[in-house]
Amino acid sequence: MAEFDLAIIGGGINGTAIARDAAGRGQRVLLVEQDDLASGTSSASSKLIHGGLRYLEHGAFRLVREALAEREVLLRMAPHIIRPMRFMLPPAKRRRSPLLLRLGLFIYDRLAGRKLLPATKTVDLTHHPFGVPLKRSFRYGFEYSDCWVDDARLVVLFARDAADRGADIRTRTKCIRAERGDEWQLVLNSRGRREVATARVLINASGAWIGQVADTVLQVPLADSVRLVKGSHIVVRRQFEHGGGYTFQAADGRVVFALPFAQDHVLIGTTDEPFVGDVAAPAPTRDEIAYLTSVVNEYLRESVSPTDVVWAFAGIRSLHDDGSKKPEDVTRDYTLTLDEGYGLAPLLTVFGGKITTARRLAEAALAKIGHFFALMPPWTADSTLPGGEFAPDEYEQHVLRARNRWGFLSERHARRLVAAYGTLVHTILGNATSMDDLGPRFAGDLTGAEIRYFMAREWAQTPADILWRRTKLGLTAGPEDEAAIGEFMKTAAQRG
């Protein structure tokens, strides 16, 4: 008898969502990730939970409808790391007509079936905060709703909840070979230590590595073609004071988002470029950075130059190749292919997908393989993630409660903690009465207590895990902070 019902290769958004759903249905689940959770594309997204307004132009109404429905499901599930955001879409000359934009937003609202988020409205930019950072030529625009997400933390919380329900989550563990018989035998390498695990069903959810895993690990060629598309982002210092985002139309028909990020910054993205190369080391090119700055400079009063970029990152999307000529036109919908040859253990391969639709993808994946198991019914639609046990409109109340309970917290610090941990802030702060009770401080308000929590509960093993995925404090941390965090983690690990 196999040790696990289900083994998953890949610790990104799709793999962890499937692991959580399956574990909650009583399945014995193993997930292996060769690096840290969300170390690939799942931490390199545009940080949005959205329907994909521009996908309407391609007739992807089912995808947009599903994503918009998920927008509110996820907002209820994790109101600490997912929050509503209003976006401004200003019409521009020689772009889509204002009438077309308003029609698209009308359809967007109708497909959404909104219960929590307000509808689109037309705004006079000459008397509105959205207009302050824009050039004076933009007199009006369309304000609409979507949501912002801390993408890497969403992955971690999926994994945390999966583990709490019995899943075996193994990071820094690479599947180097998978032998297929009436069950799968996986040969794993964890920091030089060789292990073997067996599973009834195997899922390849390795994202950008999907082809490599199929060819070299599984030795089962992909049944469909994969299209690798790179999306790049840049981060600059904050350009506006309000909490909304912008959707800017580019001359080539694409759109570029600009949204508040990590308290003092603005995130700008994304591009769509064909990718060939090492999927482990994607990076924005100078041309991509210049493209992003040129688009926002058509709209913002204060220009942005490549020298203003404080961080740039890129992710590789592994999309199902639908034959589209342009990378931006390739479907962002997910495709699941099942190989269930006679006498052979089943193999499910995951193509594409979005952060927004990961929960639905997980349900679809389990429906695809459900006939191999006695599965319990779907359950995640009405669930919450760790720390998210409060209503979406109660975030400010929890910030206030945190400041009242731990009076030494600044408002900025309290907001960061509640945004990351929600109701689980108490597990980090405990009975502390001062910052000194939380241990040494690193990179601003990061404390030893928080680092110990990351190590004990969130699989963090390196300073980069903490500074760039569990938090975004790497934007302000220096080399000395990273070194000090590394020493602290080493000592904490030795003490157990």
Protein backbone atom coordinates (compact mmCIF):
# COMPACT_ATOMS: atom_id res chain seq x y z
CA MET A 1 0.00 0.00 0.00
CA ALA A 2 1.31 3.44 -0.97
CA GLU A 3 2.46 5.73 1.83
CA PHE A 4 0.50 8.66 0.36
CA ASP A 5 -2.71 8.96 -1.62
CA LEU A 6 -1.45 12.02 -3.43
CA ALA A 7 2.02 13.43 -4.10
CA ILE A 8 2.46 16.94 -5.48
CA ILE A 9 5.60 18.34 -7.06
CA GLY A 10 5.66 22.12 -6.67
CA GLY A 11 5.18 24.44 -3.71
CA GLY A 12 3.63 27.37 -5.55
CA ILE A 13 0.06 28.60 -5.46
CA ASN A 14 -1.38 25.67 -7.42
CA GLY A 15 0.45 22.93 -5.56
CA THR A 16 -0.33 24.29 -2.10
CA ALA A 17 -3.98 24.94 -2.97
CA ILE A 18 -4.38 21.33 -4.13
CA ALA A 19 -2.57 20.04 -1.03
CA ARG A 20 -4.85 22.04 1.27
CA ASP A 21 -8.06 20.94 -0.45
CA ALA A 22 -7.02 17.26 -0.55
CA ALA A 23 -5.83 17.19 3.06
CA GLY A 24 -9.13 18.72 4.14
CA ARG A 25 -10.91 15.85 2.41
CA GLY A 26 -9.03 13.25 4.39
CA GLN A 27 -6.37 12.36 1.82
CA ARG A 28 -2.80 11.50 2.75
CA VAL A 29 -0.86 14.25 0.98
CA LEU A 30 2.83 14.80 0.30
CA LEU A 31 4.04 18.06 -1.24
CA VAL A 32 7.68 18.51 -2.23
CA GLU A 33 9.25 21.82 -3.22
CA GLN A 34 12.87 22.04 -4.35
CA ASP A 35 13.34 25.51 -2.86
CA ASP A 36 11.21 27.68 -0.58
CA LEU A 37 7.44 27.96 -0.83
CA ALA A 38 6.45 30.53 -3.48
CA SER A 39 10.07 30.88 -4.55
CA GLY A 40 9.09 30.94 -8.24
CA THR A 41 6.34 32.76 -10.09
CA SER A 42 3.91 32.68 -7.17
CA SER A 43 5.89 35.43 -5.43
CA ALA A 44 6.48 37.34 -8.67
CA SER A 45 2.90 38.23 -9.59
CA SER A 46 1.21 41.61 -9.88
CA LYS A 47 -0.22 41.02 -6.35
CA LEU A 48 -3.81 41.21 -7.57
CA ILE A 49 -6.93 39.18 -6.97
CA HIS A 50 -8.88 40.22 -10.05
CA GLY A 51 -11.03 39.05 -12.90
CA GLY A 52 -8.67 40.25 -15.61
CA LEU A 53 -10.50 43.13 -17.26
CA ARG A 54 -8.47 42.91 -20.46
CA TYR A 55 -9.35 39.22 -20.93
CA LEU A 56 -12.83 40.35 -21.95
CA GLU A 57 -11.31 41.55 -25.22
CA HIS A 58 -10.35 37.95 -25.96
CA GLY A 59 -13.82 36.63 -25.18
CA ALA A 60 -12.63 34.82 -22.04
CA PHE A 61 -15.94 35.38 -20.27
CA ARG A 62 -15.88 32.07 -18.37
CA LEU A 63 -12.40 32.78 -16.99
CA VAL A 64 -13.33 36.34 -16.01
CA ARG A 65 -16.61 35.25 -14.40
CA GLU A 66 -14.89 32.49 -12.41
CA ALA A 67 -12.09 34.81 -11.32
CA LEU A 68 -14.51 37.55 -10.26
CA ALA A 69 -16.54 35.08 -8.21
CA GLU A 70 -13.33 33.89 -6.56
CA ARG A 71 -12.35 37.47 -5.77
CA GLU A 72 -14.99 37.67 -3.04
CA VAL A 73 -14.50 34.07 -1.90
CA LEU A 74 -10.81 34.75 -1.29
CA LEU A 75 -11.48 38.13 0.32
CA ARG A 76 -13.69 36.40 2.89
CA MET A 77 -11.14 33.60 3.29
CA ALA A 78 -8.12 35.79 4.06
CA PRO A 79 -9.12 39.42 4.79
CA HIS A 80 -5.74 40.09 6.42
CA ILE A 81 -3.57 39.37 3.35
CA ILE A 82 -6.26 40.19 0.75
CA ARG A 83 -7.88 43.62 0.81
CA PRO A 84 -10.22 45.59 -1.46
CA MET A 85 -8.62 48.20 -3.67
CA ARG A 86 -10.17 50.82 -5.92
CA PHE A 87 -8.47 51.30 -9.29
CA MET A 88 -8.47 54.29 -11.61
CA LEU A 89 -8.60 53.69 -15.37
CA PRO A 90 -8.16 57.04 -17.17
CA PRO A 91 -9.07 57.16 -20.87
CA ALA A 92 -6.19 58.25 -23.10
CA LYS A 93 -5.91 59.51 -26.66
CA ARG A 94 -5.29 56.90 -29.35
CA ARG A 95 -6.20 54.12 -26.94
CA ARG A 96 -9.49 52.28 -26.35
CA SER A 97 -12.40 54.66 -26.53
CA PRO A 98 -14.05 55.83 -23.29
CA LEU A 99 -17.30 54.20 -24.46
CA LEU A 100 -15.54 50.85 -24.92
CA LEU A 101 -13.89 51.14 -21.49
CA ARG A 102 -17.18 51.94 -19.79
CA LEU A 103 -18.90 49.06 -21.57
CA GLY A 104 -16.11 46.68 -20.52
CA LEU A 105 -16.41 47.81 -16.89
CA PHE A 106 -20.19 47.46 -17.02
CA ILE A 107 -19.77 43.83 -18.15
CA TYR A 108 -17.05 43.35 -15.53
CA ASP A 109 -19.43 44.47 -12.78
CA ARG A 110 -22.29 42.35 -14.11
CA LEU A 111 -20.16 39.21 -14.32
CA ALA A 112 -18.91 39.74 -10.79
CA GLY A 113 -22.18 39.34 -8.93
CA ARG A 114 -20.75 41.74 -6.33
CA LYS A 115 -21.71 41.52 -2.67
CA LEU A 116 -18.69 43.07 -0.93
CA LEU A 117 -17.15 45.42 -3.49
CA PRO A 118 -18.59 48.70 -4.85
CA ALA A 119 -19.45 49.20 -8.52
CA THR A 120 -17.66 51.24 -11.16
CA LYS A 121 -18.23 54.98 -11.27
CA THR A 122 -17.01 57.91 -13.33
CA VAL A 123 -14.76 60.31 -11.40
CA ASP A 124 -13.87 63.97 -11.97
CA LEU A 125 -10.08 63.81 -11.63
CA THR A 126 -9.75 67.56 -11.12
CA HIS A 127 -11.36 67.19 -7.67
CA HIS A 128 -10.31 63.73 -6.56
CA PRO A 129 -7.21 62.20 -4.89
CA PHE A 130 -6.81 59.88 -7.89
CA GLY A 131 -6.15 62.94 -10.05
CA VAL A 132 -3.36 64.43 -7.93
CA PRO A 133 -0.42 62.40 -9.33
CA LEU A 134 -1.79 62.41 -12.91
CA LYS A 135 -1.02 64.90 -15.64
CA ARG A 136 -3.56 67.70 -15.89
CA SER A 137 -4.72 66.52 -19.32
CA PHE A 138 -6.58 63.64 -17.62
CA ARG A 139 -9.86 65.24 -16.65
CA TYR A 140 -11.91 62.18 -15.76
CA GLY A 141 -11.58 58.43 -15.36
CA PHE A 142 -13.35 55.24 -14.34
CA GLU A 143 -12.97 53.99 -10.79
CA TYR A 144 -13.56 50.25 -10.31
CA SER A 145 -12.93 47.51 -7.75
CA ASP A 146 -10.48 44.63 -7.48
CA CYS A 147 -8.37 43.26 -4.62
CA TRP A 148 -4.73 43.33 -3.58
CA VAL A 149 -2.98 40.22 -2.22
CA ASP A 150 0.29 39.35 -0.54
CA ASP A 151 0.90 36.52 -3.00
CA ALA A 152 3.74 34.72 -1.22
CA ARG A 153 1.91 34.78 2.11
CA LEU A 154 -1.17 33.33 0.44
CA VAL A 155 0.95 30.36 -0.67
CA VAL A 156 2.43 29.96 2.81
CA LEU A 157 -1.01 30.05 4.42
CA PHE A 158 -2.33 27.43 1.99
CA ALA A 159 0.62 25.23 2.99
CA ARG A 160 0.18 25.98 6.70
CA ASP A 161 -3.48 25.04 6.59
CA ALA A 162 -2.69 21.90 4.57
CA ALA A 163 -0.10 20.84 7.16
CA ASP A 164 -2.53 21.53 10.01
CA ARG A 165 -4.92 19.14 8.27
CA GLY A 166 -2.31 16.41 8.00
CA ALA A 167 -0.39 17.12 4.79
CA ASP A 168 3.36 16.49 4.75
CA ILE A 169 4.97 19.68 3.38
CA ARG A 170 8.65 19.27 2.55
CA THR A 171 10.58 22.31 1.33
CA ARG A 172 14.16 22.21 0.06
CA THR A 173 13.29 18.71 -1.14
CA LYS A 174 13.79 17.86 -4.80
CA CYS A 175 12.18 14.95 -6.57
CA ILE A 176 15.07 13.62 -8.64
CA ARG A 177 13.32 10.58 -10.06
CA ALA A 178 9.83 9.13 -10.16
CA GLU A 179 9.33 5.50 -11.10
CA ARG A 180 5.88 4.57 -12.32
CA GLY A 181 4.15 1.26 -11.76
CA ASP A 182 0.80 0.60 -10.16
CA GLU A 183 1.93 3.32 -7.75
CA TRP A 184 4.53 6.07 -7.93
CA GLN A 185 7.89 5.67 -6.23
CA LEU A 186 9.51 9.05 -5.71
CA VAL A 187 13.22 9.41 -5.06
CA LEU A 188 13.75 12.60 -3.07
CA ASN A 189 16.84 14.58 -2.20
CA SER A 190 16.69 16.83 0.85
CA ARG A 191 20.00 18.65 1.38
CA GLY A 192 21.95 15.59 0.26
CA ARG A 193 19.82 13.10 2.18
CA ARG A 194 18.11 10.55 -0.06
CA GLU A 195 14.56 9.44 0.72
CA VAL A 196 11.92 7.36 -1.03
CA ALA A 197 8.16 7.95 -0.88
CA THR A 198 5.30 6.17 -2.60
CA ALA A 199 1.96 7.60 -3.77
CA ARG A 200 -1.12 6.41 -5.62
CA VAL A 201 -1.43 9.57 -7.74
CA LEU A 202 1.17 12.16 -8.75
CA ILE A 203 0.51 15.80 -9.67
CA ASN A 204 3.03 17.87 -11.61
CA ALA A 205 2.31 21.42 -10.40
CA SER A 206 5.86 22.66 -10.85
CA GLY A 207 5.00 25.81 -12.79
CA ALA A 208 7.85 27.03 -14.94
CA TRP A 209 9.64 23.70 -14.35
CA ILE A 210 6.71 21.68 -15.72
CA GLY A 211 8.57 20.58 -18.85
CA GLN A 212 11.81 19.79 -17.05
CA VAL A 213 10.00 17.68 -14.47
CA ALA A 214 8.10 15.82 -17.18
CA ASP A 215 11.21 15.08 -19.24
CA THR A 216 13.91 14.42 -16.66
CA VAL A 217 12.08 13.31 -13.50
CA LEU A 218 8.93 11.59 -14.68
CA GLN A 219 10.21 10.67 -18.13
CA VAL A 220 6.64 11.11 -19.39
CA PRO A 221 6.55 13.80 -22.12
CA LEU A 222 3.93 16.53 -21.76
CA ALA A 223 0.70 15.64 -23.53
CA ASP A 224 0.25 19.30 -24.57
CA SER A 225 2.61 22.12 -25.48
CA VAL A 226 3.61 24.66 -22.87
CA ARG A 227 4.27 28.34 -23.56
CA LEU A 228 6.68 30.10 -21.20
CA VAL A 229 5.91 33.81 -20.85
CA LYS A 230 7.88 36.21 -18.67
CA GLY A 231 6.20 38.96 -16.71
CA SER A 232 8.43 41.64 -15.20
CA HIS A 233 7.74 44.25 -12.52
CA ILE A 234 9.56 47.20 -11.05
CA VAL A 235 9.26 48.89 -7.66
CA VAL A 236 9.87 52.60 -7.09
CA ARG A 237 9.37 55.01 -4.22
CA ARG A 238 5.77 56.00 -3.46
CA GLN A 239 4.33 58.38 -6.06
CA PHE A 240 0.94 59.07 -4.45
CA GLU A 241 -0.61 59.25 -0.99
CA HIS A 242 -3.98 57.54 -1.45
CA GLY A 243 -4.48 53.79 -1.15
CA GLY A 244 -5.78 53.07 -4.64
CA GLY A 245 -4.14 51.72 -7.76
CA TYR A 246 -4.01 52.66 -11.44
CA THR A 247 -4.62 50.78 -14.66
CA PHE A 248 -2.76 52.48 -17.50
CA GLN A 249 -3.27 51.65 -21.17
CA ALA A 250 -0.09 51.28 -23.22
CA ALA A 251 0.23 52.21 -26.88
CA ASP A 252 0.62 48.53 -27.84
CA GLY A 253 -2.76 47.62 -26.34
CA ARG A 254 -1.44 46.10 -23.12
CA VAL A 255 -2.17 47.50 -19.67
CA VAL A 256 0.24 48.36 -16.86
CA PHE A 257 -0.74 48.48 -13.20
CA ALA A 258 0.67 50.90 -10.64
CA LEU A 259 -0.35 50.17 -7.06
CA PRO A 260 0.74 50.90 -3.48
CA PHE A 261 3.25 48.35 -2.26
CA ALA A 262 5.10 47.59 0.97
CA GLN A 263 4.00 50.82 2.69
CA ASP A 264 6.43 53.26 1.03
CA HIS A 265 6.61 52.02 -2.55
CA VAL A 266 4.74 51.58 -5.81
CA LEU A 267 4.67 48.35 -7.80
CA ILE A 268 4.54 48.75 -11.59
CA GLY A 269 3.91 45.88 -13.99
CA THR A 270 3.68 43.74 -15.95
CA THR A 271 5.20 42.78 -19.28
CA ASP A 272 4.50 39.76 -21.47
CA GLU A 273 7.59 38.43 -23.22
CA PRO A 274 8.39 35.00 -24.66
CA PHE A 275 10.92 33.29 -22.43
CA VAL A 276 13.80 31.01 -23.32
CA GLY A 277 16.52 30.32 -20.78
CA ASP A 278 17.05 29.26 -17.22
CA VAL A 279 13.65 29.30 -15.50
CA ALA A 280 15.42 29.44 -12.12
CA ALA A 281 16.86 32.88 -12.84
CA PRO A 282 14.45 35.12 -14.75
CA ALA A 283 15.21 38.81 -14.62
CA PRO A 284 13.74 41.96 -16.17
CA THR A 285 15.71 43.29 -19.12
CA ARG A 286 16.65 46.92 -19.58
CA ASP A 287 14.10 47.12 -22.39
CA GLU A 288 11.32 45.83 -20.12
CA ILE A 289 12.21 48.32 -17.40
CA ALA A 290 12.28 51.12 -19.95
CA TYR A 291 8.92 49.96 -21.30
CA LEU A 292 7.26 50.05 -17.87
CA THR A 293 8.65 53.48 -17.01
CA SER A 294 7.65 54.89 -20.41
CA VAL A 295 4.05 53.72 -19.98
CA VAL A 296 3.58 55.28 -16.53
CA ASN A 297 5.35 58.45 -17.67
CA GLU A 298 2.54 59.02 -20.17
CA TYR A 299 0.22 59.44 -17.20
CA LEU A 300 2.13 60.62 -14.11
CA ARG A 301 3.14 64.22 -13.49
CA GLU A 302 6.32 63.15 -11.73
CA SER A 303 8.30 61.06 -14.18
CA VAL A 304 9.90 57.74 -13.29
CA SER A 305 13.26 56.72 -14.70
CA PRO A 306 15.09 53.39 -14.63
CA THR A 307 17.44 54.91 -12.05
CA ASP A 308 14.48 55.25 -9.67
CA VAL A 309 13.91 51.49 -9.58
CA VAL A 310 14.70 50.07 -6.12
CA TRP A 311 13.75 46.50 -6.99
CA ALA A 312 12.90 44.61 -10.16
CA PHE A 313 11.72 41.04 -10.48
CA ALA A 314 10.28 38.65 -13.03
CA GLY A 315 8.22 35.47 -13.04
CA ILE A 316 7.70 32.80 -15.67
CA ARG A 317 4.16 31.71 -16.46
CA SER A 318 3.82 28.17 -17.80
CA LEU A 319 0.76 28.59 -20.00
CA HIS A 320 -1.09 26.08 -22.10
CA ASP A 321 -0.08 26.88 -25.70
CA ASP A 322 -3.30 27.79 -27.51
CA GLY A 323 -1.51 28.96 -30.66
CA SER A 324 -1.84 32.69 -30.01
CA LYS A 325 0.75 34.76 -31.83
CA LYS A 326 1.34 37.33 -29.08
CA PRO A 327 2.40 36.32 -25.55
CA GLU A 328 -0.18 38.65 -24.01
CA ASP A 329 -2.94 36.87 -25.95
CA VAL A 330 -2.17 33.36 -24.66
CA THR A 331 -4.94 32.17 -22.35
CA ARG A 332 -4.37 32.57 -18.62
CA ASP A 333 -6.93 29.84 -17.97
CA TYR A 334 -5.74 26.61 -16.40
CA THR A 335 -5.65 23.25 -18.17
CA LEU A 336 -5.46 19.89 -16.38
CA THR A 337 -4.33 16.82 -18.29
CA LEU A 338 -4.74 13.33 -16.82
CA ASP A 339 -2.63 10.37 -17.91
CA GLU A 340 -4.16 7.18 -16.54
CA GLY A 341 -2.68 4.43 -18.67
CA TYR A 342 -3.79 0.84 -18.00
CA GLY A 343 -1.95 -0.63 -15.02
CA LEU A 344 -0.09 2.63 -14.41
CA ALA A 345 -0.45 5.04 -11.52
CA PRO A 346 -2.26 8.24 -12.63
CA LEU A 347 -0.40 11.46 -13.46
CA LEU A 348 -2.10 14.86 -13.46
CA THR A 349 -0.31 17.82 -15.05
CA VAL A 350 -1.26 21.43 -14.29
CA PHE A 351 -0.82 24.09 -16.98
CA GLY A 352 -1.33 27.80 -16.37
CA GLY A 353 -3.64 29.20 -13.76
CA LYS A 354 -3.77 32.47 -11.83
CA ILE A 355 -3.37 33.38 -8.19
CA THR A 356 -7.06 34.31 -8.23
CA THR A 357 -8.32 30.95 -9.47
CA ALA A 358 -6.01 28.62 -7.52
CA ARG A 359 -8.74 27.47 -5.15
CA ARG A 360 -11.05 26.60 -8.05
CA LEU A 361 -8.17 24.92 -9.85
CA ALA A 362 -7.65 22.72 -6.79
CA GLU A 363 -11.31 21.70 -6.81
CA ALA A 364 -11.09 20.90 -10.52
CA ALA A 365 -7.91 18.88 -10.01
CA LEU A 366 -9.51 16.75 -7.31
CA ALA A 367 -12.63 16.28 -9.42
CA LYS A 368 -10.35 15.04 -12.20
CA ILE A 369 -8.77 12.37 -10.00
CA GLY A 370 -11.69 11.86 -7.61
CA HIS A 371 -12.65 8.48 -9.07
CA PHE A 372 -9.41 7.04 -7.65
CA PHE A 373 -10.42 7.90 -4.09
CA ALA A 374 -13.41 8.04 -1.77
CA LEU A 375 -13.27 11.83 -1.63
CA MET A 376 -15.22 13.93 0.82
CA PRO A 377 -17.23 16.82 -0.73
CA PRO A 378 -15.60 20.16 -1.65
CA TRP A 379 -15.19 22.36 1.43
CA THR A 380 -12.89 25.32 0.76
CA ALA A 381 -15.45 27.83 -0.59
CA ASP A 382 -16.67 28.69 2.91
CA SER A 383 -13.38 28.23 4.73
CA THR A 384 -10.89 30.70 6.21
CA LEU A 385 -7.13 30.65 6.17
CA PRO A 386 -5.06 30.90 9.38
CA GLY A 387 -5.48 34.38 10.84
CA GLY A 388 -8.41 35.25 8.61
CA GLU A 389 -11.24 34.64 11.05
CA PHE A 390 -12.80 38.09 10.74
CA ALA A 391 -14.97 40.00 8.29
CA PRO A 392 -13.31 41.94 5.45
CA ASP A 393 -14.50 45.26 6.89
CA GLU A 394 -12.98 44.56 10.33
CA TYR A 395 -9.31 45.05 9.41
CA GLU A 396 -9.10 48.51 10.97
CA GLN A 397 -10.71 47.18 14.15
CA HIS A 398 -8.00 44.55 14.45
CA VAL A 399 -5.28 47.14 13.99
CA LEU A 400 -6.84 49.17 16.81
CA ARG A 401 -7.16 46.09 19.03
CA ALA A 402 -3.52 45.24 18.46
CA ARG A 403 -2.43 48.73 19.46
CA ASN A 404 -4.63 48.65 22.54
CA ARG A 405 -3.40 45.21 23.57
CA TRP A 406 0.29 45.87 22.87
CA GLY A 407 0.64 49.57 23.55
CA PHE A 408 4.30 49.68 22.50
CA LEU A 409 3.39 49.04 18.83
CA SER A 410 3.45 52.01 16.48
CA GLU A 411 0.52 52.25 14.10
CA ARG A 412 2.81 51.36 11.18
CA HIS A 413 4.11 48.27 12.98
CA ALA A 414 0.61 47.17 14.03
CA ARG A 415 -0.65 47.51 10.46
CA ARG A 416 2.16 45.39 9.09
CA LEU A 417 1.60 42.66 11.67
CA VAL A 418 -2.19 42.52 11.24
CA ALA A 419 -1.78 42.55 7.45
CA ALA A 420 0.50 39.52 7.70
CA TYR A 421 -1.01 37.47 10.54
CA GLY A 422 -4.52 38.73 11.21
CA THR A 423 -5.88 37.11 14.37
CA LEU A 424 -2.61 35.19 14.83
CA VAL A 425 -0.71 38.32 15.89
CA HIS A 426 -1.04 37.07 19.47
CA THR A 427 1.02 33.96 18.66
CA ILE A 428 3.99 36.20 17.92
CA LEU A 429 3.55 38.96 20.49
CA GLY A 430 2.16 36.82 23.32
CA ASN A 431 2.40 38.59 26.66
CA ALA A 432 5.08 41.04 25.56
CA THR A 433 4.93 44.41 27.26
CA SER A 434 7.72 46.10 25.27
CA MET A 435 9.70 45.66 22.08
CA ASP A 436 12.56 44.31 24.18
CA ASP A 437 10.41 41.31 25.10
CA LEU A 438 10.35 40.33 21.42
CA GLY A 439 14.08 39.82 21.12
CA PRO A 440 16.58 41.60 18.86
CA ARG A 441 15.38 43.87 16.07
CA PHE A 442 16.38 43.64 12.43
CA ALA A 443 15.47 45.61 9.31
CA GLY A 444 13.26 48.15 11.07
CA ASP A 445 10.55 46.48 13.13
CA LEU A 446 11.32 42.81 12.35
CA THR A 447 11.95 41.05 15.68
CA GLY A 448 13.45 37.81 16.87
CA ALA A 449 9.99 36.61 17.94
CA GLU A 450 8.73 37.00 14.40
CA ILE A 451 11.73 35.17 12.94
CA ARG A 452 11.24 32.28 15.34
CA TYR A 453 7.62 32.08 14.24
CA PHE A 454 8.65 31.94 10.57
CA MET A 455 11.06 29.13 11.32
CA ALA A 456 8.71 27.10 13.51
CA ARG A 457 5.46 27.55 11.60
CA GLU A 458 6.22 28.75 8.07
CA TRP A 459 9.21 26.70 6.86
CA ALA A 460 11.59 29.68 6.65
CA GLN A 461 15.22 28.59 6.49
CA THR A 462 17.15 31.55 5.05
CA PRO A 463 17.13 35.34 5.43
CA ALA A 464 15.79 35.62 1.86
CA ASP A 465 12.79 33.47 2.82
CA ILE A 466 11.94 36.06 5.46
CA LEU A 467 12.95 39.31 3.78
CA TRP A 468 11.41 38.68 0.35
CA ARG A 469 8.61 36.12 0.78
CA ARG A 470 7.31 36.09 4.38
CA THR A 471 7.72 39.89 4.38
CA LYS A 472 8.93 42.50 1.89
CA LEU A 473 11.36 44.04 4.35
CA GLY A 474 14.18 43.29 1.93
CA LEU A 475 13.28 46.60 0.30
CA THR A 476 14.69 48.45 3.30
CA ALA A 477 17.09 45.92 4.80
CA GLY A 478 20.81 46.25 4.21
CA PRO A 479 23.52 43.58 3.91
CA GLU A 480 24.23 43.91 7.63
CA ASP A 481 20.57 43.13 8.42
CA GLU A 482 20.64 40.03 6.24
CA ALA A 483 23.85 38.84 7.89
CA ALA A 484 22.47 39.43 11.38
CA ILE A 485 19.25 37.59 10.55
CA GLY A 486 21.30 34.69 9.22
CA GLU A 487 23.27 34.46 12.46
CA PHE A 488 20.12 34.66 14.54
CA MET A 489 18.48 31.88 12.52
CA LYS A 490 21.56 29.70 12.84
CA THR A 491 21.58 30.08 16.62
CA ALA A 492 17.82 29.54 16.87
CA ALA A 493 18.05 26.36 14.79
CA GLN A 494 20.82 25.00 17.00
CA ARG A 495 18.73 25.63 20.10
CA GLY A 496 15.77 23.88 18.48
